[in-house]
Amino acid sequence: MEKEKAQELFNKHYCILLDDGDDLSQEVLISILSRKLAILTAQEIYDHTLDTFWLDVTEEINKL
C-alpha cells in the first residue's frame, strides 16, 4: 500500500512538471524534482497527522 501511494504521489508531481514541456532532455531533472516534491508532500502529511504510514511512503519514494 505504501509503495502504491509513493508511486501515485511521484506520478502526480511528474505529470504536473512534464506538462510544461515535452523536452526529453529535461526528463531526468523532472524525475528528480518529482521525487523531492513527493517526499515533501508525504512529510507534510506526516507532520500534520503523525501517521507512520506516511513515513513508510517517504521511504518508498526514496526507492523510486
Protein backbone atom coordinates (compact mmCIF):
# COMPACT_ATOMS: atom_id res chain seq x y z
CA MET A 1 0.00 0.00 0.00
CA GLU A 2 2.82 2.42 0.85
CA LYS A 3 4.58 1.57 -2.40
CA GLU A 4 1.46 2.34 -4.43
CA LYS A 5 0.90 5.65 -2.61
CA ALA A 6 4.55 6.58 -3.15
CA GLN A 7 4.22 5.91 -6.89
CA GLU A 8 0.95 7.85 -7.02
CA LEU A 9 2.47 10.95 -5.39
CA PHE A 10 5.51 10.78 -7.64
CA ASN A 11 3.35 10.39 -10.76
CA LYS A 12 1.16 13.35 -9.87
CA HIS A 13 4.15 15.65 -9.44
CA TYR A 14 5.82 14.23 -12.54
CA CYS A 15 2.77 14.89 -14.71
CA ILE A 16 2.47 18.47 -13.49
CA LEU A 17 6.12 19.19 -14.26
CA LEU A 18 6.15 17.32 -17.57
CA ASP A 19 3.01 19.11 -18.74
CA ASP A 20 5.00 22.29 -19.34
CA GLY A 21 7.27 20.74 -21.95
CA ASP A 22 8.00 17.62 -23.89
CA ASP A 23 11.77 18.04 -23.99
CA LEU A 24 13.16 14.60 -23.16
CA SER A 25 16.47 16.12 -22.12
CA GLN A 26 14.62 17.53 -19.13
CA GLU A 27 13.18 14.15 -18.11
CA VAL A 28 15.92 13.39 -15.57
CA LEU A 29 15.51 16.78 -13.93
CA ILE A 30 11.74 16.33 -13.87
CA SER A 31 12.17 12.93 -12.20
CA ILE A 32 14.46 14.36 -9.52
CA LEU A 33 12.12 17.27 -8.81
CA SER A 34 9.08 14.98 -8.76
CA ARG A 35 10.72 12.71 -6.20
CA LYS A 36 11.67 15.64 -3.97
CA LEU A 37 8.19 17.16 -4.18
CA ALA A 38 6.53 13.82 -3.44
CA ILE A 39 8.77 13.41 -0.36
CA LEU A 40 7.88 16.91 0.82
CA THR A 41 4.20 16.12 0.37
CA ALA A 42 4.43 12.88 2.36
CA GLN A 43 6.45 14.57 5.11
CA GLU A 44 3.98 17.43 5.35
CA ILE A 45 1.09 14.99 5.72
CA TYR A 46 3.04 13.08 8.37
CA ASP A 47 3.77 16.30 10.28
CA HIS A 48 0.03 17.03 10.49
CA THR A 49 -1.23 13.52 11.13
CA LEU A 50 1.70 11.73 12.81
CA ASP A 51 0.52 8.64 10.92
CA THR A 52 3.58 6.41 10.42
CA PHE A 53 2.09 5.25 7.12
CA TRP A 54 3.49 8.46 5.63
CA LEU A 55 6.98 7.73 6.92
CA ASP A 56 6.79 4.42 5.07
CA VAL A 57 5.54 6.24 1.97
CA THR A 58 8.57 8.55 2.20
CA GLU A 59 10.88 5.53 2.33
CA GLU A 60 9.19 4.04 -0.72
CA ILE A 61 9.50 7.32 -2.65
CA ASN A 62 13.24 7.25 -1.96
CA LYS A 63 13.38 3.83 -3.64
CA LEU A 64 11.81 5.09 -6.88
